[in-house]
Amino acid sequence: MTKYELAVVVSAKIEDEERAAVVDKVKALIERFGGTITNVDDWGKKKLAYEIQKMSEAFYYFIQFDAETSAPAEIESRIRIMDNVLRYLCVKQDED
């Protein structure tokens, strides 16, 4: 298993329940492709460096997980088409 971190930027224009549902959906995707979530870091609402879809603020979530090397590509392909996810990035973490 390899350690990964997935950063997800979620729209600030949606309600709290909808935002929680988006994050839960992302977590479910990770588990569906054999990943084990180790930590979820909610950074809350932050100002964006530049406007995305006419929004200047969004909610940031960082999800650490362990998974096989094929999982991130599958997860990213599903996140790419999700509504209310403005940006995402999955990176491999260094083994300490």
N, C-alpha and C. Protein backbone atom coordinates (compact mmCIF):
# COMPACT_ATOMS: atom_id res chain seq x y z
N MET A 1 0.84 -1.19 0.00
CA MET A 1 0.00 0.00 0.00
C MET A 1 0.88 1.25 0.00
N THR A 2 0.43 2.23 -0.75
CA THR A 2 1.14 3.49 -0.86
C THR A 2 0.32 4.58 -0.18
N LYS A 3 1.01 5.56 0.41
CA LYS A 3 0.32 6.66 1.09
C LYS A 3 0.07 7.80 0.10
N TYR A 4 -1.16 8.31 0.12
CA TYR A 4 -1.54 9.42 -0.75
C TYR A 4 -2.24 10.50 0.04
N GLU A 5 -2.24 11.72 -0.52
CA GLU A 5 -3.04 12.81 0.04
C GLU A 5 -3.86 13.41 -1.10
N LEU A 6 -5.15 13.54 -0.84
CA LEU A 6 -6.07 14.09 -1.83
C LEU A 6 -6.57 15.43 -1.32
N ALA A 7 -6.30 16.49 -2.07
CA ALA A 7 -6.81 17.82 -1.73
C ALA A 7 -8.05 18.06 -2.58
N VAL A 8 -9.13 18.48 -1.92
CA VAL A 8 -10.40 18.73 -2.62
C VAL A 8 -10.87 20.14 -2.26
N VAL A 9 -11.16 20.93 -3.28
CA VAL A 9 -11.67 22.29 -3.08
C VAL A 9 -13.15 22.27 -3.47
N VAL A 10 -14.01 22.52 -2.48
CA VAL A 10 -15.46 22.40 -2.66
C VAL A 10 -16.10 23.79 -2.68
N SER A 11 -17.06 23.97 -3.55
CA SER A 11 -17.78 25.24 -3.71
C SER A 11 -18.32 25.77 -2.38
N ALA A 12 -18.21 27.07 -2.20
CA ALA A 12 -18.74 27.71 -0.98
C ALA A 12 -20.20 28.13 -1.16
N LYS A 13 -20.74 27.97 -2.36
CA LYS A 13 -22.12 28.40 -2.64
C LYS A 13 -23.17 27.37 -2.26
N ILE A 14 -22.76 26.20 -1.77
CA ILE A 14 -23.73 25.16 -1.42
C ILE A 14 -23.93 25.10 0.10
N GLU A 15 -25.02 24.48 0.50
CA GLU A 15 -25.35 24.36 1.93
C GLU A 15 -24.42 23.37 2.62
N ASP A 16 -24.36 23.44 3.96
CA ASP A 16 -23.49 22.58 4.76
C ASP A 16 -23.76 21.10 4.52
N GLU A 17 -25.05 20.71 4.42
CA GLU A 17 -25.39 19.30 4.23
C GLU A 17 -24.90 18.81 2.87
N GLU A 18 -25.05 19.65 1.85
CA GLU A 18 -24.59 19.28 0.50
C GLU A 18 -23.07 19.12 0.48
N ARG A 19 -22.39 20.04 1.16
CA ARG A 19 -20.93 19.99 1.20
C ARG A 19 -20.47 18.73 1.92
N ALA A 20 -21.13 18.37 3.01
CA ALA A 20 -20.80 17.14 3.74
C ALA A 20 -21.04 15.92 2.85
N ALA A 21 -22.10 15.97 2.05
CA ALA A 21 -22.41 14.87 1.14
C ALA A 21 -21.34 14.71 0.08
N VAL A 22 -20.80 15.83 -0.42
CA VAL A 22 -19.73 15.79 -1.43
C VAL A 22 -18.49 15.12 -0.82
N VAL A 23 -18.13 15.52 0.39
CA VAL A 23 -16.95 14.96 1.06
C VAL A 23 -17.17 13.47 1.35
N ASP A 24 -18.37 13.10 1.79
CA ASP A 24 -18.68 11.69 2.04
C ASP A 24 -18.59 10.87 0.76
N LYS A 25 -19.02 11.47 -0.35
CA LYS A 25 -18.95 10.78 -1.64
C LYS A 25 -17.50 10.52 -2.04
N VAL A 26 -16.63 11.51 -1.78
CA VAL A 26 -15.20 11.35 -2.09
C VAL A 26 -14.61 10.24 -1.21
N LYS A 27 -14.96 10.24 0.07
CA LYS A 27 -14.48 9.19 0.99
C LYS A 27 -14.95 7.82 0.52
N ALA A 28 -16.21 7.73 0.09
CA ALA A 28 -16.76 6.47 -0.39
C ALA A 28 -16.02 5.99 -1.64
N LEU A 29 -15.64 6.92 -2.51
CA LEU A 29 -14.87 6.56 -3.71
C LEU A 29 -13.53 5.94 -3.32
N ILE A 30 -12.86 6.56 -2.35
CA ILE A 30 -11.56 6.05 -1.91
C ILE A 30 -11.71 4.62 -1.39
N GLU A 31 -12.73 4.40 -0.57
CA GLU A 31 -12.95 3.07 0.00
C GLU A 31 -13.38 2.06 -1.07
N ARG A 32 -14.15 2.53 -2.05
CA ARG A 32 -14.62 1.66 -3.13
C ARG A 32 -13.46 1.08 -3.95
N PHE A 33 -12.40 1.87 -4.11
CA PHE A 33 -11.25 1.40 -4.87
C PHE A 33 -10.15 0.85 -3.97
N GLY A 34 -10.53 0.37 -2.79
CA GLY A 34 -9.60 -0.35 -1.92
C GLY A 34 -8.73 0.51 -1.04
N GLY A 35 -9.05 1.79 -0.93
CA GLY A 35 -8.25 2.68 -0.09
C GLY A 35 -8.71 2.65 1.36
N THR A 36 -7.77 2.96 2.26
CA THR A 36 -8.07 3.06 3.69
C THR A 36 -7.77 4.49 4.12
N ILE A 37 -8.80 5.21 4.54
CA ILE A 37 -8.63 6.61 4.95
C ILE A 37 -7.96 6.66 6.31
N THR A 38 -6.86 7.42 6.41
CA THR A 38 -6.14 7.54 7.67
C THR A 38 -6.42 8.85 8.38
N ASN A 39 -6.75 9.91 7.60
CA ASN A 39 -7.00 11.22 8.22
C ASN A 39 -7.78 12.11 7.27
N VAL A 40 -8.70 12.91 7.82
CA VAL A 40 -9.42 13.92 7.03
C VAL A 40 -9.21 15.26 7.73
N ASP A 41 -8.61 16.19 7.00
CA ASP A 41 -8.29 17.49 7.55
C ASP A 41 -9.19 18.54 6.90
N ASP A 42 -10.07 19.15 7.68
CA ASP A 42 -11.00 20.16 7.18
C ASP A 42 -10.40 21.54 7.47
N TRP A 43 -9.96 22.24 6.44
CA TRP A 43 -9.37 23.56 6.63
C TRP A 43 -10.42 24.66 6.67
N GLY A 44 -11.66 24.34 6.31
CA GLY A 44 -12.72 25.34 6.33
C GLY A 44 -12.69 26.24 5.10
N LYS A 45 -13.35 27.38 5.23
CA LYS A 45 -13.48 28.32 4.11
C LYS A 45 -12.23 29.19 4.01
N LYS A 46 -11.64 29.21 2.81
CA LYS A 46 -10.45 30.01 2.56
C LYS A 46 -10.64 30.82 1.28
N LYS A 47 -9.91 31.91 1.19
CA LYS A 47 -9.94 32.73 -0.02
C LYS A 47 -9.11 32.04 -1.09
N LEU A 48 -9.63 32.01 -2.31
CA LEU A 48 -8.90 31.41 -3.42
C LEU A 48 -7.86 32.39 -3.96
N ALA A 49 -6.79 31.86 -4.51
CA ALA A 49 -5.74 32.72 -5.07
C ALA A 49 -6.25 33.47 -6.30
N TYR A 50 -7.19 32.86 -7.02
CA TYR A 50 -7.82 33.50 -8.18
C TYR A 50 -9.25 32.97 -8.28
N GLU A 51 -10.11 33.71 -8.95
CA GLU A 51 -11.50 33.30 -9.06
C GLU A 51 -11.67 32.04 -9.89
N ILE A 52 -12.52 31.15 -9.40
CA ILE A 52 -12.87 29.94 -10.13
C ILE A 52 -14.39 29.94 -10.24
N GLN A 53 -14.92 29.90 -11.46
CA GLN A 53 -16.36 29.94 -11.69
C GLN A 53 -17.02 31.10 -10.94
N LYS A 54 -16.38 32.26 -11.00
CA LYS A 54 -16.87 33.50 -10.37
C LYS A 54 -16.96 33.41 -8.85
N MET A 55 -16.20 32.51 -8.23
CA MET A 55 -16.16 32.40 -6.77
C MET A 55 -14.78 32.80 -6.28
N SER A 56 -14.75 33.52 -5.16
CA SER A 56 -13.46 33.93 -4.60
C SER A 56 -13.11 33.16 -3.33
N GLU A 57 -14.07 32.35 -2.81
CA GLU A 57 -13.83 31.54 -1.62
C GLU A 57 -14.32 30.12 -1.86
N ALA A 58 -13.71 29.18 -1.12
CA ALA A 58 -14.13 27.78 -1.21
C ALA A 58 -13.70 27.05 0.05
N PHE A 59 -14.22 25.83 0.23
CA PHE A 59 -13.86 25.01 1.38
C PHE A 59 -12.79 24.01 0.97
N TYR A 60 -11.77 23.88 1.81
CA TYR A 60 -10.65 22.99 1.53
C TYR A 60 -10.70 21.76 2.42
N TYR A 61 -10.48 20.58 1.82
CA TYR A 61 -10.40 19.32 2.56
C TYR A 61 -9.17 18.57 2.09
N PHE A 62 -8.43 18.00 3.04
CA PHE A 62 -7.27 17.18 2.73
C PHE A 62 -7.50 15.80 3.32
N ILE A 63 -7.50 14.79 2.46
CA ILE A 63 -7.79 13.42 2.89
C ILE A 63 -6.55 12.57 2.66
N GLN A 64 -5.99 12.03 3.76
CA GLN A 64 -4.85 11.11 3.64
C GLN A 64 -5.40 9.70 3.61
N PHE A 65 -4.83 8.88 2.71
CA PHE A 65 -5.29 7.50 2.61
C PHE A 65 -4.18 6.59 2.09
N ASP A 66 -4.33 5.30 2.37
CA ASP A 66 -3.42 4.27 1.85
C ASP A 66 -4.18 3.52 0.77
N ALA A 67 -3.53 3.26 -0.37
CA ALA A 67 -4.20 2.54 -1.44
C ALA A 67 -3.17 1.93 -2.39
N GLU A 68 -3.66 1.07 -3.26
CA GLU A 68 -2.81 0.49 -4.31
C GLU A 68 -2.50 1.60 -5.32
N THR A 69 -1.47 1.40 -6.13
CA THR A 69 -1.04 2.44 -7.07
C THR A 69 -2.05 2.74 -8.17
N SER A 70 -2.98 1.83 -8.43
CA SER A 70 -3.98 2.07 -9.48
C SER A 70 -5.16 2.91 -8.99
N ALA A 71 -5.36 3.00 -7.69
CA ALA A 71 -6.53 3.67 -7.12
C ALA A 71 -6.62 5.18 -7.43
N PRO A 72 -5.54 5.96 -7.29
CA PRO A 72 -5.67 7.41 -7.51
C PRO A 72 -6.23 7.78 -8.90
N ALA A 73 -5.83 7.08 -9.94
CA ALA A 73 -6.33 7.38 -11.28
C ALA A 73 -7.84 7.15 -11.36
N GLU A 74 -8.29 6.06 -10.76
CA GLU A 74 -9.73 5.75 -10.75
C GLU A 74 -10.50 6.79 -9.95
N ILE A 75 -9.98 7.17 -8.79
CA ILE A 75 -10.64 8.15 -7.92
C ILE A 75 -10.72 9.51 -8.64
N GLU A 76 -9.60 9.94 -9.24
CA GLU A 76 -9.57 11.23 -9.94
C GLU A 76 -10.54 11.27 -11.11
N SER A 77 -10.67 10.16 -11.83
CA SER A 77 -11.58 10.15 -12.98
C SER A 77 -13.03 10.33 -12.53
N ARG A 78 -13.37 9.87 -11.32
CA ARG A 78 -14.73 10.05 -10.79
C ARG A 78 -14.92 11.46 -10.22
N ILE A 79 -13.90 11.98 -9.53
CA ILE A 79 -14.00 13.32 -8.93
C ILE A 79 -14.10 14.39 -10.02
N ARG A 80 -13.41 14.17 -11.13
CA ARG A 80 -13.38 15.14 -12.23
C ARG A 80 -14.80 15.55 -12.67
N ILE A 81 -15.76 14.61 -12.62
CA ILE A 81 -17.11 14.91 -13.10
C ILE A 81 -18.10 15.25 -11.99
N MET A 82 -17.61 15.34 -10.76
CA MET A 82 -18.50 15.67 -9.63
C MET A 82 -18.86 17.15 -9.63
N ASP A 83 -20.15 17.42 -9.37
CA ASP A 83 -20.58 18.81 -9.22
C ASP A 83 -20.05 19.34 -7.89
N ASN A 84 -19.84 20.64 -7.83
CA ASN A 84 -19.42 21.35 -6.61
C ASN A 84 -17.98 21.10 -6.20
N VAL A 85 -17.22 20.28 -6.94
CA VAL A 85 -15.78 20.15 -6.69
C VAL A 85 -15.09 21.06 -7.70
N LEU A 86 -14.49 22.14 -7.18
CA LEU A 86 -13.86 23.12 -8.08
C LEU A 86 -12.49 22.65 -8.55
N ARG A 87 -11.71 22.11 -7.63
CA ARG A 87 -10.37 21.61 -7.94
C ARG A 87 -10.06 20.41 -7.05
N TYR A 88 -9.13 19.58 -7.51
CA TYR A 88 -8.67 18.44 -6.71
C TYR A 88 -7.24 18.13 -7.12
N LEU A 89 -6.52 17.48 -6.23
CA LEU A 89 -5.15 17.06 -6.54
C LEU A 89 -4.80 15.89 -5.63
N CYS A 90 -4.35 14.82 -6.24
CA CYS A 90 -3.94 13.65 -5.48
C CYS A 90 -2.44 13.48 -5.64
N VAL A 91 -1.72 13.46 -4.53
CA VAL A 91 -0.27 13.31 -4.58
C VAL A 91 0.19 12.15 -3.69
N LYS A 92 1.27 11.54 -4.11
CA LYS A 92 1.87 10.45 -3.34
C LYS A 92 2.69 11.09 -2.23
N GLN A 93 2.52 10.61 -0.99
CA GLN A 93 3.28 11.15 0.12
C GLN A 93 4.61 10.41 0.24
N ASP A 94 5.63 11.14 0.69
CA ASP A 94 6.95 10.53 0.90
C ASP A 94 6.89 9.55 2.04
N GLU A 95 7.58 8.44 1.88
CA GLU A 95 7.67 7.46 2.96
C GLU A 95 8.70 7.97 3.96
N ASP A 96 8.30 8.17 5.18
CA ASP A 96 9.23 8.69 6.20
C ASP A 96 9.97 7.58 6.90
